[in-house]
Amino acid sequence: MFNLDPRRIDARKPLASGSFGTIHAYLNDDKNTQNKDWVVKRIPAKNTKELKFFMQEAVLGFNHRHPFVVSNRGYDIKDSPQGGWDIFI
């Protein structure tokens, strides 16, 4: 898990969107990583059932390696202003 700073997400224009969430640019300020720019997938969860379902995606991403699937570096869960939670992977 990492501590995501929502102010670092470029929410003006998503890079991509799908049926479960949107992909946004994220400026990483971690000096220990070579790659400073990250992308973050934002998944809204309105209830605990959706939260559990989408958390499975986060967990699977840590254990799955495939040339066509982006690996997960971490995740964070924040309270959503619209109610429920926002999951960031």
Protein backbone atom coordinates (compact mmCIF):
# COMPACT_ATOMS: atom_id res chain seq x y z
CA MET A 1 0.00 0.00 0.00
CA PHE A 2 1.22 3.52 -0.65
CA ASN A 3 0.04 6.89 0.52
CA LEU A 4 -1.36 8.53 -2.59
CA ASP A 5 -1.60 12.31 -2.69
CA PRO A 6 -4.79 13.15 -4.65
CA ARG A 7 -3.33 16.57 -5.54
CA ARG A 8 -0.73 14.82 -7.73
CA ILE A 9 -3.40 13.25 -9.96
CA ASP A 10 -4.06 15.04 -13.23
CA ALA A 11 -7.86 14.80 -13.16
CA ARG A 12 -8.43 17.32 -15.97
CA LYS A 13 -8.31 14.72 -18.73
CA PRO A 14 -8.18 10.96 -18.13
CA LEU A 15 -5.64 9.05 -20.21
CA ALA A 16 -8.14 6.23 -20.65
CA SER A 17 -11.42 5.00 -19.23
CA GLY A 18 -13.22 1.71 -19.06
CA SER A 19 -16.26 0.15 -17.50
CA PHE A 20 -14.69 0.02 -14.02
CA GLY A 21 -12.55 3.13 -13.75
CA THR A 22 -10.33 5.77 -15.28
CA ILE A 23 -6.58 6.06 -15.79
CA HIS A 24 -4.90 9.33 -14.82
CA ALA A 25 -1.35 10.67 -14.94
CA TYR A 26 0.28 10.83 -11.49
CA LEU A 27 3.46 12.70 -10.65
CA ASN A 28 5.52 10.52 -8.35
CA ASP A 29 8.00 12.41 -6.16
CA ASP A 30 9.80 9.33 -4.81
CA LYS A 31 13.51 10.10 -5.26
CA ASN A 32 14.40 6.38 -5.02
CA THR A 33 12.66 5.42 -8.25
CA GLN A 34 14.09 6.08 -11.69
CA ASN A 35 10.69 6.57 -13.29
CA LYS A 36 9.04 9.66 -11.82
CA ASP A 37 5.82 9.59 -13.84
CA TRP A 38 3.21 6.98 -12.96
CA VAL A 39 -0.33 6.26 -14.03
CA VAL A 40 -3.06 5.60 -11.50
CA LYS A 41 -6.28 3.72 -12.04
CA ARG A 42 -9.16 5.25 -10.06
CA ILE A 43 -12.02 2.87 -9.31
CA PRO A 44 -15.08 4.20 -7.48
CA ALA A 45 -16.71 1.77 -5.02
CA LYS A 46 -20.15 2.72 -3.73
CA ASN A 47 -20.53 -0.08 -1.17
CA THR A 48 -18.52 -2.75 0.63
CA LYS A 49 -19.42 -5.42 -1.95
CA GLU A 50 -17.87 -3.33 -4.74
CA LEU A 51 -14.92 -2.46 -2.50
CA LYS A 52 -14.19 -6.16 -1.92
CA PHE A 53 -14.58 -6.98 -5.64
CA PHE A 54 -12.19 -4.25 -6.77
CA MET A 55 -9.65 -5.00 -4.05
CA GLN A 56 -9.30 -8.44 -5.60
CA GLU A 57 -8.03 -6.71 -8.76
CA ALA A 58 -5.39 -4.91 -6.73
CA VAL A 59 -4.22 -8.10 -5.03
CA LEU A 60 -4.13 -10.08 -8.30
CA GLY A 61 -2.01 -7.36 -9.90
CA PHE A 62 0.76 -7.89 -7.37
CA ASN A 63 1.01 -11.61 -8.04
CA HIS A 64 0.42 -11.68 -11.79
CA ARG A 65 3.12 -11.10 -14.41
CA HIS A 66 2.17 -10.86 -18.06
CA PRO A 67 3.70 -8.89 -20.95
CA PHE A 68 0.35 -7.23 -21.75
CA VAL A 69 -0.70 -6.41 -18.18
CA VAL A 70 0.74 -3.48 -16.24
CA SER A 71 2.09 -4.56 -12.87
CA ASN A 72 0.86 -2.94 -9.69
CA ARG A 73 3.26 -0.86 -7.62
CA GLY A 74 0.80 -0.20 -4.84
CA TYR A 75 -2.71 0.83 -3.96
CA ASP A 76 -4.54 3.27 -1.73
CA ILE A 77 -8.15 3.72 -0.65
CA LYS A 78 -9.59 7.15 0.02
CA ASP A 79 -13.06 8.31 1.05
CA SER A 80 -14.89 9.61 -1.99
CA PRO A 81 -16.52 13.06 -1.92
CA GLN A 82 -19.54 11.43 -3.63
CA GLY A 83 -19.82 8.77 -0.92
CA GLY A 84 -18.20 5.38 -0.77
CA TRP A 85 -14.51 5.02 -1.61
CA ASP A 86 -12.02 5.62 -4.39
CA ILE A 87 -9.53 2.82 -4.92
CA PHE A 88 -6.29 3.89 -6.56
CA ILE A 89 -4.05 1.22 -8.14
